[in-house]
Structure formats: structure tokens, C-alpha cells
Amino acid sequence: ERLLEVFWKNIDPTDPYGQFADRGEQY
């Protein structure tokens, strides 16, 4: 449960195409 919270608080969970400057399936 703690790991899940840390995960959610370190990403943008609304981005379906990547993360921040990194785009593509692998991100």
C-alpha cells in the first residue's frame, strides 16, 4: 500500500502517451 502511494506521487497518471518530456510506448 505504501509503495502504491509513492508510485502515484511520482508520476503524472493522466498522461496516456508517456511521461513529461519522454514520449512513446516505452514511457
PDB file of all heavy atoms in Angstrom:
ATOM      1  N   GLU A   1       0.819  -1.198   0.000  1.00  0.00           N
ATOM      2  CA  GLU A   1       0.000   0.000   0.000  1.00  0.00           C
ATOM      3  C   GLU A   1       0.864   1.264   0.000  1.00  0.00           C
ATOM      4  O   GLU A   1       0.581   2.235  -0.704  1.00  0.00           O
ATOM      5  CB  GLU A   1      -0.928   0.022   1.219  1.00  0.00           C
ATOM      6  CG  GLU A   1      -1.980  -1.082   1.224  1.00  0.00           C
ATOM      7  CD  GLU A   1      -1.533  -2.288   2.042  1.00  0.00           C
ATOM      8  OE1 GLU A   1      -0.391  -2.753   1.859  1.00  0.00           O
ATOM      9  OE2 GLU A   1      -2.336  -2.762   2.871  1.00  0.00           O
ATOM     10  N   ARG A   2       1.932   1.257   0.806  1.00  0.00           N
ATOM     11  CA  ARG A   2       2.839   2.403   0.838  1.00  0.00           C
ATOM     12  C   ARG A   2       3.548   2.571  -0.502  1.00  0.00           C
ATOM     13  O   ARG A   2       3.708   3.680  -1.013  1.00  0.00           O
ATOM     14  CB  ARG A   2       3.852   2.210   1.968  1.00  0.00           C
ATOM     15  CG  ARG A   2       4.989   3.220   2.016  1.00  0.00           C
ATOM     16  CD  ARG A   2       4.537   4.615   2.288  1.00  0.00           C
ATOM     17  NE  ARG A   2       3.663   4.709   3.463  1.00  0.00           N
ATOM     18  CZ  ARG A   2       2.957   5.784   3.793  1.00  0.00           C
ATOM     19  NH1 ARG A   2       3.010   6.853   3.029  1.00  0.00           N
ATOM     20  NH2 ARG A   2       2.192   5.795   4.856  1.00  0.00           N
ATOM     21  N   LEU A   3       3.964   1.463  -1.109  1.00  0.00           N
ATOM     22  CA  LEU A   3       4.627   1.539  -2.417  1.00  0.00           C
ATOM     23  C   LEU A   3       3.696   2.130  -3.462  1.00  0.00           C
ATOM     24  O   LEU A   3       4.127   2.925  -4.309  1.00  0.00           O
ATOM     25  CB  LEU A   3       5.090   0.150  -2.860  1.00  0.00           C
ATOM     26  CG  LEU A   3       6.123  -0.546  -1.967  1.00  0.00           C
ATOM     27  CD1 LEU A   3       6.487  -1.911  -2.552  1.00  0.00           C
ATOM     28  CD2 LEU A   3       7.376   0.303  -1.796  1.00  0.00           C
ATOM     29  N   LEU A   4       2.428   1.750  -3.413  1.00  0.00           N
ATOM     30  CA  LEU A   4       1.464   2.303  -4.360  1.00  0.00           C
ATOM     31  C   LEU A   4       1.369   3.818  -4.213  1.00  0.00           C
ATOM     32  O   LEU A   4       1.355   4.552  -5.220  1.00  0.00           O
ATOM     33  CB  LEU A   4       0.086   1.675  -4.133  1.00  0.00           C
ATOM     34  CG  LEU A   4      -0.105   0.245  -4.633  1.00  0.00           C
ATOM     35  CD1 LEU A   4      -1.399  -0.338  -4.077  1.00  0.00           C
ATOM     36  CD2 LEU A   4      -0.113   0.181  -6.164  1.00  0.00           C
ATOM     37  N   GLU A   5       1.312   4.311  -2.990  1.00  0.00           N
ATOM     38  CA  GLU A   5       1.209   5.753  -2.805  1.00  0.00           C
ATOM     39  C   GLU A   5       2.445   6.471  -3.338  1.00  0.00           C
ATOM     40  O   GLU A   5       2.334   7.521  -3.996  1.00  0.00           O
ATOM     41  CB  GLU A   5       1.002   6.099  -1.331  1.00  0.00           C
ATOM     42  CG  GLU A   5       0.821   7.594  -1.120  1.00  0.00           C
ATOM     43  CD  GLU A   5       0.400   7.940   0.295  1.00  0.00           C
ATOM     44  OE1 GLU A   5      -0.810   7.886   0.573  1.00  0.00           O
ATOM     45  OE2 GLU A   5       1.283   8.251   1.110  1.00  0.00           O
ATOM     46  N   VAL A   6       3.611   5.908  -3.082  1.00  0.00           N
ATOM     47  CA  VAL A   6       4.843   6.523  -3.580  1.00  0.00           C
ATOM     48  C   VAL A   6       4.851   6.532  -5.105  1.00  0.00           C
ATOM     49  O   VAL A   6       5.273   7.514  -5.740  1.00  0.00           O
ATOM     50  CB  VAL A   6       6.076   5.781  -3.021  1.00  0.00           C
ATOM     51  CG1 VAL A   6       7.353   6.238  -3.704  1.00  0.00           C
ATOM     52  CG2 VAL A   6       6.163   6.001  -1.507  1.00  0.00           C
ATOM     53  N   PHE A   7       4.374   5.468  -5.716  1.00  0.00           N
ATOM     54  CA  PHE A   7       4.294   5.408  -7.172  1.00  0.00           C
ATOM     55  C   PHE A   7       3.408   6.530  -7.707  1.00  0.00           C
ATOM     56  O   PHE A   7       3.821   7.314  -8.569  1.00  0.00           O
ATOM     57  CB  PHE A   7       3.739   4.052  -7.603  1.00  0.00           C
ATOM     58  CG  PHE A   7       3.375   3.985  -9.062  1.00  0.00           C
ATOM     59  CD1 PHE A   7       4.359   3.963 -10.043  1.00  0.00           C
ATOM     60  CD2 PHE A   7       2.043   3.939  -9.466  1.00  0.00           C
ATOM     61  CE1 PHE A   7       4.028   3.909 -11.390  1.00  0.00           C
ATOM     62  CE2 PHE A   7       1.702   3.876 -10.811  1.00  0.00           C
ATOM     63  CZ  PHE A   7       2.699   3.866 -11.780  1.00  0.00           C
ATOM     64  N   TRP A   8       2.176   6.637  -7.190  1.00  0.00           N
ATOM     65  CA  TRP A   8       1.246   7.645  -7.702  1.00  0.00           C
ATOM     66  C   TRP A   8       1.782   9.060  -7.511  1.00  0.00           C
ATOM     67  O   TRP A   8       1.513   9.950  -8.336  1.00  0.00           O
ATOM     68  CB  TRP A   8      -0.102   7.526  -7.000  1.00  0.00           C
ATOM     69  CG  TRP A   8      -0.916   6.314  -7.337  1.00  0.00           C
ATOM     70  CD1 TRP A   8      -1.336   5.332  -6.480  1.00  0.00           C
ATOM     71  CD2 TRP A   8      -1.453   5.938  -8.625  1.00  0.00           C
ATOM     72  NE1 TRP A   8      -2.076   4.380  -7.147  1.00  0.00           N
ATOM     73  CE2 TRP A   8      -2.160   4.724  -8.461  1.00  0.00           C
ATOM     74  CE3 TRP A   8      -1.386   6.516  -9.895  1.00  0.00           C
ATOM     75  CZ2 TRP A   8      -2.812   4.088  -9.514  1.00  0.00           C
ATOM     76  CZ3 TRP A   8      -2.027   5.871 -10.946  1.00  0.00           C
ATOM     77  CH2 TRP A   8      -2.732   4.685 -10.761  1.00  0.00           C
ATOM     78  N   LYS A   9       2.552   9.273  -6.446  1.00  0.00           N
ATOM     79  CA  LYS A   9       3.040  10.620  -6.153  1.00  0.00           C
ATOM     80  C   LYS A   9       4.328  10.974  -6.897  1.00  0.00           C
ATOM     81  O   LYS A   9       4.894  12.048  -6.684  1.00  0.00           O
ATOM     82  CB  LYS A   9       3.235  10.790  -4.636  1.00  0.00           C
ATOM     83  CG  LYS A   9       1.925  10.846  -3.875  1.00  0.00           C
ATOM     84  CD  LYS A   9       2.120  11.164  -2.407  1.00  0.00           C
ATOM     85  CE  LYS A   9       0.782  11.337  -1.694  1.00  0.00           C
ATOM     86  NZ  LYS A   9       0.942  11.687  -0.262  1.00  0.00           N
ATOM     87  N   ASN A  10       4.775  10.082  -7.780  1.00  0.00           N
ATOM     88  CA  ASN A  10       5.996  10.360  -8.543  1.00  0.00           C
ATOM     89  C   ASN A  10       5.787  10.297 -10.049  1.00  0.00           C
ATOM     90  O   ASN A  10       6.760  10.275 -10.803  1.00  0.00           O
ATOM     91  CB  ASN A  10       7.099   9.381  -8.131  1.00  0.00           C
ATOM     92  CG  ASN A  10       7.792   9.814  -6.857  1.00  0.00           C
ATOM     93  OD1 ASN A  10       8.712  10.626  -6.880  1.00  0.00           O
ATOM     94  ND2 ASN A  10       7.330   9.292  -5.729  1.00  0.00           N
ATOM     95  N   ILE A  11       4.520  10.276 -10.476  1.00  0.00           N
ATOM     96  CA  ILE A  11       4.209  10.243 -11.907  1.00  0.00           C
ATOM     97  C   ILE A  11       3.096  11.238 -12.213  1.00  0.00           C
ATOM     98  O   ILE A  11       2.479  11.790 -11.305  1.00  0.00           O
ATOM     99  CB  ILE A  11       3.759   8.836 -12.361  1.00  0.00           C
ATOM    100  CG1 ILE A  11       2.431   8.452 -11.678  1.00  0.00           C
ATOM    101  CG2 ILE A  11       4.841   7.797 -12.078  1.00  0.00           C
ATOM    102  CD1 ILE A  11       1.766   7.223 -12.254  1.00  0.00           C
ATOM    103  N   ASP A  12       2.848  11.435 -13.516  1.00  0.00           N
ATOM    104  CA  ASP A  12       1.636  12.099 -13.969  1.00  0.00           C
ATOM    105  C   ASP A  12       0.706  10.998 -14.460  1.00  0.00           C
ATOM    106  O   ASP A  12       0.860  10.501 -15.579  1.00  0.00           O
ATOM    107  CB  ASP A  12       1.931  13.078 -15.101  1.00  0.00           C
ATOM    108  CG  ASP A  12       0.659  13.709 -15.666  1.00  0.00           C
ATOM    109  OD1 ASP A  12      -0.441  13.387 -15.166  1.00  0.00           O
ATOM    110  OD2 ASP A  12       0.768  14.512 -16.614  1.00  0.00           O
ATOM    111  N   PRO A  13      -0.267  10.590 -13.654  1.00  0.00           N
ATOM    112  CA  PRO A  13      -1.097   9.447 -14.010  1.00  0.00           C
ATOM    113  C   PRO A  13      -2.137   9.747 -15.084  1.00  0.00           C
ATOM    114  O   PRO A  13      -2.848   8.843 -15.525  1.00  0.00           O
ATOM    115  CB  PRO A  13      -1.777   9.087 -12.682  1.00  0.00           C
ATOM    116  CG  PRO A  13      -1.865  10.381 -11.956  1.00  0.00           C
ATOM    117  CD  PRO A  13      -0.622  11.144 -12.330  1.00  0.00           C
ATOM    118  N   THR A  14      -2.230  10.993 -15.513  1.00  0.00           N
ATOM    119  CA  THR A  14      -3.230  11.360 -16.522  1.00  0.00           C
ATOM    120  C   THR A  14      -2.674  11.338 -17.944  1.00  0.00           C
ATOM    121  O   THR A  14      -3.428  11.548 -18.892  1.00  0.00           O
ATOM    122  CB  THR A  14      -3.790  12.768 -16.245  1.00  0.00           C
ATOM    123  OG1 THR A  14      -2.761  13.746 -16.464  1.00  0.00           O
ATOM    124  CG2 THR A  14      -4.296  12.876 -14.814  1.00  0.00           C
ATOM    125  N   ASP A  15      -1.392  11.078 -18.094  1.00  0.00           N
ATOM    126  CA  ASP A  15      -0.750  11.126 -19.416  1.00  0.00           C
ATOM    127  C   ASP A  15      -0.757   9.739 -20.064  1.00  0.00           C
ATOM    128  O   ASP A  15      -0.043   8.838 -19.605  1.00  0.00           O
ATOM    129  CB  ASP A  15       0.690  11.630 -19.271  1.00  0.00           C
ATOM    130  CG  ASP A  15       1.352  11.904 -20.609  1.00  0.00           C
ATOM    131  OD1 ASP A  15       0.816  11.458 -21.644  1.00  0.00           O
ATOM    132  OD2 ASP A  15       2.403  12.561 -20.616  1.00  0.00           O
ATOM    133  N   PRO A  16      -1.524   9.524 -21.137  1.00  0.00           N
ATOM    134  CA  PRO A  16      -1.568   8.201 -21.768  1.00  0.00           C
ATOM    135  C   PRO A  16      -0.477   7.964 -22.803  1.00  0.00           C
ATOM    136  O   PRO A  16      -0.381   6.876 -23.363  1.00  0.00           O
ATOM    137  CB  PRO A  16      -2.952   8.198 -22.443  1.00  0.00           C
ATOM    138  CG  PRO A  16      -3.180   9.626 -22.805  1.00  0.00           C
ATOM    139  CD  PRO A  16      -2.509  10.449 -21.735  1.00  0.00           C
ATOM    140  N   TYR A  17       0.364   8.968 -23.050  1.00  0.00           N
ATOM    141  CA  TYR A  17       1.324   8.869 -24.153  1.00  0.00           C
ATOM    142  C   TYR A  17       2.786   8.885 -23.724  1.00  0.00           C
ATOM    143  O   TYR A  17       3.687   8.857 -24.546  1.00  0.00           O
ATOM    144  CB  TYR A  17       1.082  10.010 -25.149  1.00  0.00           C
ATOM    145  CG  TYR A  17      -0.330  10.062 -25.651  1.00  0.00           C
ATOM    146  CD1 TYR A  17      -1.163  11.134 -25.323  1.00  0.00           C
ATOM    147  CD2 TYR A  17      -0.850   9.036 -26.427  1.00  0.00           C
ATOM    148  CE1 TYR A  17      -2.474  11.181 -25.771  1.00  0.00           C
ATOM    149  CE2 TYR A  17      -2.168   9.068 -26.882  1.00  0.00           C
ATOM    150  CZ  TYR A  17      -2.967  10.143 -26.547  1.00  0.00           C
ATOM    151  OH  TYR A  17      -4.268  10.178 -26.991  1.00  0.00           O
ATOM    152  N   GLY A  18       3.046   8.937 -22.431  1.00  0.00           N
ATOM    153  CA  GLY A  18       4.415   8.987 -21.956  1.00  0.00           C
ATOM    154  C   GLY A  18       4.478   9.693 -20.624  1.00  0.00           C
ATOM    155  O   GLY A  18       3.489   9.756 -19.890  1.00  0.00           O
ATOM    156  N   GLN A  19       5.629  10.228 -20.301  1.00  0.00           N
ATOM    157  CA  GLN A  19       5.792  10.965 -19.052  1.00  0.00           C
ATOM    158  C   GLN A  19       6.678  12.184 -19.283  1.00  0.00           C
ATOM    159  O   GLN A  19       7.849  12.047 -19.678  1.00  0.00           O
ATOM    160  CB  GLN A  19       6.397  10.090 -17.956  1.00  0.00           C
ATOM    161  CG  GLN A  19       5.437   9.081 -17.355  1.00  0.00           C
ATOM    162  CD  GLN A  19       4.356   9.709 -16.498  1.00  0.00           C
ATOM    163  OE1 GLN A  19       4.565  10.086 -15.356  1.00  0.00           O
ATOM    164  NE2 GLN A  19       3.159   9.826 -17.073  1.00  0.00           N
ATOM    165  N   PHE A  20       6.073  13.366 -19.117  1.00  0.00           N
ATOM    166  CA  PHE A  20       6.806  14.624 -19.162  1.00  0.00           C
ATOM    167  C   PHE A  20       7.507  14.773 -20.509  1.00  0.00           C
ATOM    168  O   PHE A  20       6.838  14.670 -21.544  1.00  0.00           O
ATOM    169  CB  PHE A  20       7.742  14.721 -17.954  1.00  0.00           C
ATOM    170  CG  PHE A  20       7.027  14.403 -16.663  1.00  0.00           C
ATOM    171  CD1 PHE A  20       7.214  13.204 -15.998  1.00  0.00           C
ATOM    172  CD2 PHE A  20       6.089  15.294 -16.140  1.00  0.00           C
ATOM    173  CE1 PHE A  20       6.508  12.896 -14.835  1.00  0.00           C
ATOM    174  CE2 PHE A  20       5.374  14.994 -14.982  1.00  0.00           C
ATOM    175  CZ  PHE A  20       5.589  13.805 -14.326  1.00  0.00           C
ATOM    176  N   ALA A  21       8.807  14.960 -20.544  1.00  0.00           N
ATOM    177  CA  ALA A  21       9.490  15.167 -21.829  1.00  0.00           C
ATOM    178  C   ALA A  21       9.649  13.883 -22.623  1.00  0.00           C
ATOM    179  O   ALA A  21       9.968  13.926 -23.814  1.00  0.00           O
ATOM    180  CB  ALA A  21      10.862  15.796 -21.581  1.00  0.00           C
ATOM    181  N   ASP A  22       9.421  12.736 -22.000  1.00  0.00           N
ATOM    182  CA  ASP A  22       9.625  11.444 -22.660  1.00  0.00           C
ATOM    183  C   ASP A  22       8.305  10.934 -23.233  1.00  0.00           C
ATOM    184  O   ASP A  22       7.341  10.719 -22.495  1.00  0.00           O
ATOM    185  CB  ASP A  22      10.183  10.420 -21.663  1.00  0.00           C
ATOM    186  CG  ASP A  22      11.539  10.832 -21.133  1.00  0.00           C
ATOM    187  OD1 ASP A  22      12.355  11.315 -21.929  1.00  0.00           O
ATOM    188  OD2 ASP A  22      11.774  10.683 -19.921  1.00  0.00           O
ATOM    189  N   ARG A  23       8.277  10.725 -24.538  1.00  0.00           N
ATOM    190  CA  ARG A  23       7.048  10.317 -25.197  1.00  0.00           C
ATOM    191  C   ARG A  23       7.221   8.936 -25.815  1.00  0.00           C
ATOM    192  O   ARG A  23       8.324   8.532 -26.186  1.00  0.00           O
ATOM    193  CB  ARG A  23       6.652  11.307 -26.315  1.00  0.00           C
ATOM    194  CG  ARG A  23       6.808  12.780 -25.975  1.00  0.00           C
ATOM    195  CD  ARG A  23       6.180  13.156 -24.655  1.00  0.00           C
ATOM    196  NE  ARG A  23       4.726  12.963 -24.652  1.00  0.00           N
ATOM    197  CZ  ARG A  23       4.013  12.845 -23.549  1.00  0.00           C
ATOM    198  NH1 ARG A  23       4.604  12.861 -22.362  1.00  0.00           N
ATOM    199  NH2 ARG A  23       2.711  12.687 -23.621  1.00  0.00           N
ATOM    200  N   GLY A  24       6.131   8.206 -25.919  1.00  0.00           N
ATOM    201  CA  GLY A  24       6.177   6.910 -26.582  1.00  0.00           C
ATOM    202  C   GLY A  24       5.742   5.773 -25.678  1.00  0.00           C
ATOM    203  O   GLY A  24       5.631   5.915 -24.451  1.00  0.00           O
ATOM    204  N   GLU A  25       5.477   4.613 -26.294  1.00  0.00           N
ATOM    205  CA  GLU A  25       5.001   3.417 -25.595  1.00  0.00           C
ATOM    206  C   GLU A  25       5.894   3.042 -24.430  1.00  0.00           C
ATOM    207  O   GLU A  25       5.413   2.645 -23.362  1.00  0.00           O
ATOM    208  CB  GLU A  25       4.934   2.254 -26.588  1.00  0.00           C
ATOM    209  CG  GLU A  25       4.554   0.914 -25.987  1.00  0.00           C
ATOM    210  CD  GLU A  25       3.095   0.817 -25.578  1.00  0.00           C
ATOM    211  OE1 GLU A  25       2.283   1.601 -26.100  1.00  0.00           O
ATOM    212  OE2 GLU A  25       2.767  -0.042 -24.739  1.00  0.00           O
ATOM    213  N   GLN A  26       7.194   3.188 -24.595  1.00  0.00           N
ATOM    214  CA  GLN A  26       8.138   2.737 -23.567  1.00  0.00           C
ATOM    215  C   GLN A  26       8.091   3.588 -22.301  1.00  0.00           C
ATOM    216  O   GLN A  26       8.625   3.205 -21.261  1.00  0.00           O
ATOM    217  CB  GLN A  26       9.571   2.710 -24.130  1.00  0.00           C
ATOM    218  CG  GLN A  26      10.171   4.070 -24.467  1.00  0.00           C
ATOM    219  CD  GLN A  26       9.859   4.531 -25.872  1.00  0.00           C
ATOM    220  OE1 GLN A  26       8.802   4.223 -26.418  1.00  0.00           O
ATOM    221  NE2 GLN A  26      10.778   5.260 -26.488  1.00  0.00           N
ATOM    222  N   TYR A  27       7.428   4.755 -22.373  1.00  0.00           N
ATOM    223  CA  TYR A  27       7.352   5.641 -21.209  1.00  0.00           C
ATOM    224  C   TYR A  27       5.948   5.709 -20.614  1.00  0.00           C
ATOM    225  O   TYR A  27       5.689   6.515 -19.716  1.00  0.00           O
ATOM    226  CB  TYR A  27       7.809   7.048 -21.597  1.00  0.00           C
ATOM    227  CG  TYR A  27       9.267   7.107 -21.986  1.00  0.00           C
ATOM    228  CD1 TYR A  27       9.644   7.421 -23.290  1.00  0.00           C
ATOM    229  CD2 TYR A  27      10.260   6.836 -21.050  1.00  0.00           C
ATOM    230  CE1 TYR A  27      10.977   7.465 -23.652  1.00  0.00           C
ATOM    231  CE2 TYR A  27      11.603   6.886 -21.412  1.00  0.00           C
ATOM    232  CZ  TYR A  27      11.957   7.200 -22.711  1.00  0.00           C
ATOM    233  OH  TYR A  27      13.269   7.244 -23.069  1.00  0.00           O
TER     234      TYR A  27
END
